[in-house]
Amino acid sequence: MSHNDVYGRASQAIGDAADSLGRKASSVAAAASDQMRAAGVDPEHLSDVARQQADQLQRAIIAEIRSRPVRAMLVAAAAGLIVGIMTSR
């Protein structure tokens, strides 16, 4: 079996798995949405509110980074160091 055959089969298998996962995720999302509606919750409204809050948080983070760039770099370096230590174990 050639390298191209193996690559082609692997690519096809990955594509099939991704398609299957996408269908399952859509099914789970639809079921969750239906259950939320049955409980009297509007999932679209929740999504809009979450998006607005995420936008506000993003703006606040950007403003903080612009007002204190050195502090932001030190925090990012510390976070990177901690993640690096945790993942190296």
Foldseek 3Di string as FASTA:
>chain_A
DDPVVVVVVVVVVVVVVVVVVVVVVVVVVVVVCVVCVVVVHHVVVVVVVVVVVVVVVVVVVVVVCVVPVVVVVVVVVVVVVVVVVVVVD
